[in-house]
Amino acid sequence: MALKLFGRPEKDVKLLRSGRRQQGLYPLYGDFCNAPHTPCAQCPLARLLEG
């Protein structure tokens, strides 16, 4: 999940250092990353995470 959302392994993402934060990302991952109709290049969440 971290690799797809942030482009790097989970251990390298400070945001994911607690279980609560990881659980908070599950709905985002489900809504955006598992959506078959939106590829990563067009994902609004990916654009927000890029800065």
N, C-alpha and C. Protein backbone atom coordinates (compact mmCIF):
# COMPACT_ATOMS: atom_id res chain seq x y z
N MET A 1 0.82 -1.18 0.00
CA MET A 1 0.00 0.00 0.00
C MET A 1 0.87 1.26 0.00
N ALA A 2 1.91 1.31 0.83
CA ALA A 2 2.77 2.49 0.90
C ALA A 2 3.47 2.73 -0.43
N LEU A 3 3.88 1.68 -1.07
CA LEU A 3 4.57 1.82 -2.35
C LEU A 3 3.66 2.43 -3.40
N LYS A 4 2.42 2.01 -3.40
CA LYS A 4 1.47 2.54 -4.38
C LYS A 4 1.06 3.97 -4.04
N LEU A 5 0.85 4.28 -2.75
CA LEU A 5 0.43 5.62 -2.36
C LEU A 5 1.57 6.63 -2.36
N PHE A 6 2.71 6.23 -1.86
CA PHE A 6 3.80 7.18 -1.64
C PHE A 6 5.02 6.96 -2.52
N GLY A 7 5.07 5.85 -3.24
CA GLY A 7 6.18 5.58 -4.12
C GLY A 7 7.44 5.10 -3.42
N ARG A 8 7.32 4.71 -2.16
CA ARG A 8 8.46 4.15 -1.43
C ARG A 8 7.95 3.14 -0.40
N PRO A 9 8.84 2.29 0.09
CA PRO A 9 8.43 1.25 1.03
C PRO A 9 7.87 1.82 2.34
N GLU A 10 7.04 1.03 2.98
CA GLU A 10 6.38 1.45 4.21
C GLU A 10 7.36 1.92 5.29
N LYS A 11 8.49 1.25 5.41
CA LYS A 11 9.45 1.62 6.45
C LYS A 11 10.07 2.99 6.22
N ASP A 12 9.98 3.52 5.00
CA ASP A 12 10.54 4.82 4.67
C ASP A 12 9.54 5.97 4.76
N VAL A 13 8.30 5.67 5.10
CA VAL A 13 7.25 6.69 5.17
C VAL A 13 6.95 6.97 6.64
N LYS A 14 7.34 8.16 7.10
CA LYS A 14 7.14 8.51 8.51
C LYS A 14 5.66 8.52 8.91
N LEU A 15 4.81 8.87 7.98
CA LEU A 15 3.38 8.92 8.24
C LEU A 15 2.82 7.57 8.69
N LEU A 16 3.47 6.48 8.30
CA LEU A 16 2.94 5.14 8.56
C LEU A 16 3.59 4.46 9.76
N ARG A 17 4.14 5.20 10.66
CA ARG A 17 4.86 4.59 11.78
C ARG A 17 3.95 4.14 12.91
N SER A 18 2.67 4.41 12.85
CA SER A 18 1.76 3.93 13.90
C SER A 18 0.60 3.16 13.27
N GLY A 19 0.07 2.25 14.03
CA GLY A 19 -1.05 1.44 13.55
C GLY A 19 -2.28 2.27 13.24
N ARG A 20 -2.52 3.29 14.04
CA ARG A 20 -3.69 4.14 13.81
C ARG A 20 -3.59 4.87 12.48
N ARG A 21 -2.42 5.36 12.17
CA ARG A 21 -2.25 6.05 10.90
C ARG A 21 -2.39 5.09 9.73
N GLN A 22 -1.85 3.90 9.88
CA GLN A 22 -2.00 2.90 8.83
C GLN A 22 -3.46 2.57 8.60
N GLN A 23 -4.21 2.39 9.69
CA GLN A 23 -5.64 2.08 9.56
C GLN A 23 -6.40 3.22 8.91
N GLY A 24 -5.96 4.45 9.17
CA GLY A 24 -6.61 5.60 8.57
C GLY A 24 -6.43 5.66 7.06
N LEU A 25 -5.38 5.04 6.56
CA LEU A 25 -5.14 5.04 5.12
C LEU A 25 -5.91 3.97 4.37
N TYR A 26 -6.41 2.97 5.07
CA TYR A 26 -7.15 1.90 4.40
C TYR A 26 -8.36 2.41 3.61
N PRO A 27 -9.20 3.29 4.18
CA PRO A 27 -10.32 3.79 3.37
C PRO A 27 -9.86 4.58 2.14
N LEU A 28 -8.78 5.36 2.28
CA LEU A 28 -8.27 6.10 1.12
C LEU A 28 -7.78 5.14 0.05
N TYR A 29 -7.06 4.15 0.48
CA TYR A 29 -6.55 3.14 -0.45
C TYR A 29 -7.72 2.45 -1.16
N GLY A 30 -8.72 2.08 -0.39
CA GLY A 30 -9.88 1.41 -0.97
C GLY A 30 -10.65 2.29 -1.94
N ASP A 31 -10.79 3.56 -1.60
CA ASP A 31 -11.56 4.47 -2.45
C ASP A 31 -10.80 4.89 -3.71
N PHE A 32 -9.51 5.07 -3.58
CA PHE A 32 -8.74 5.59 -4.71
C PHE A 32 -7.92 4.53 -5.43
N CYS A 33 -7.19 3.72 -4.70
CA CYS A 33 -6.24 2.78 -5.32
C CYS A 33 -6.92 1.52 -5.86
N ASN A 34 -8.01 1.14 -5.27
CA ASN A 34 -8.72 -0.05 -5.75
C ASN A 34 -9.84 0.30 -6.72
N ALA A 35 -9.94 1.57 -7.07
CA ALA A 35 -10.96 2.00 -8.03
C ALA A 35 -10.51 1.62 -9.43
N PRO A 36 -11.25 0.76 -10.11
CA PRO A 36 -10.83 0.28 -11.42
C PRO A 36 -10.92 1.34 -12.51
N HIS A 37 -11.67 2.38 -12.29
CA HIS A 37 -11.91 3.37 -13.34
C HIS A 37 -10.89 4.51 -13.36
N THR A 38 -10.00 4.60 -12.37
CA THR A 38 -9.04 5.70 -12.32
C THR A 38 -7.62 5.16 -12.21
N PRO A 39 -6.83 5.30 -13.26
CA PRO A 39 -5.43 4.88 -13.17
C PRO A 39 -4.64 5.85 -12.28
N CYS A 40 -3.52 5.40 -11.77
CA CYS A 40 -2.71 6.21 -10.85
C CYS A 40 -2.35 7.57 -11.44
N ALA A 41 -2.07 7.63 -12.72
CA ALA A 41 -1.67 8.88 -13.36
C ALA A 41 -2.77 9.94 -13.31
N GLN A 42 -4.02 9.52 -13.19
CA GLN A 42 -5.14 10.45 -13.15
C GLN A 42 -5.76 10.58 -11.77
N CYS A 43 -5.17 9.96 -10.78
CA CYS A 43 -5.74 9.92 -9.45
C CYS A 43 -5.60 11.27 -8.73
N PRO A 44 -6.69 11.84 -8.23
CA PRO A 44 -6.59 13.12 -7.52
C PRO A 44 -5.82 12.99 -6.21
N LEU A 45 -5.91 11.84 -5.57
CA LEU A 45 -5.17 11.64 -4.31
C LEU A 45 -3.67 11.62 -4.57
N ALA A 46 -3.25 10.98 -5.64
CA ALA A 46 -1.81 10.93 -5.97
C ALA A 46 -1.29 12.34 -6.23
N ARG A 47 -2.07 13.16 -6.90
CA ARG A 47 -1.63 14.54 -7.15
C ARG A 47 -1.49 15.33 -5.86
N LEU A 48 -2.39 15.11 -4.92
CA LEU A 48 -2.30 15.80 -3.63
C LEU A 48 -1.07 15.34 -2.84
N LEU A 49 -0.78 14.06 -2.88
CA LEU A 49 0.35 13.51 -2.14
C LEU A 49 1.69 13.95 -2.73
N GLU A 50 1.70 14.24 -4.01
CA GLU A 50 2.94 14.67 -4.67
C GLU A 50 3.31 16.09 -4.27
N GLY A 51 2.37 16.84 -3.79
CA GLY A 51 2.71 18.16 -3.29
C GLY A 51 2.09 19.26 -4.02
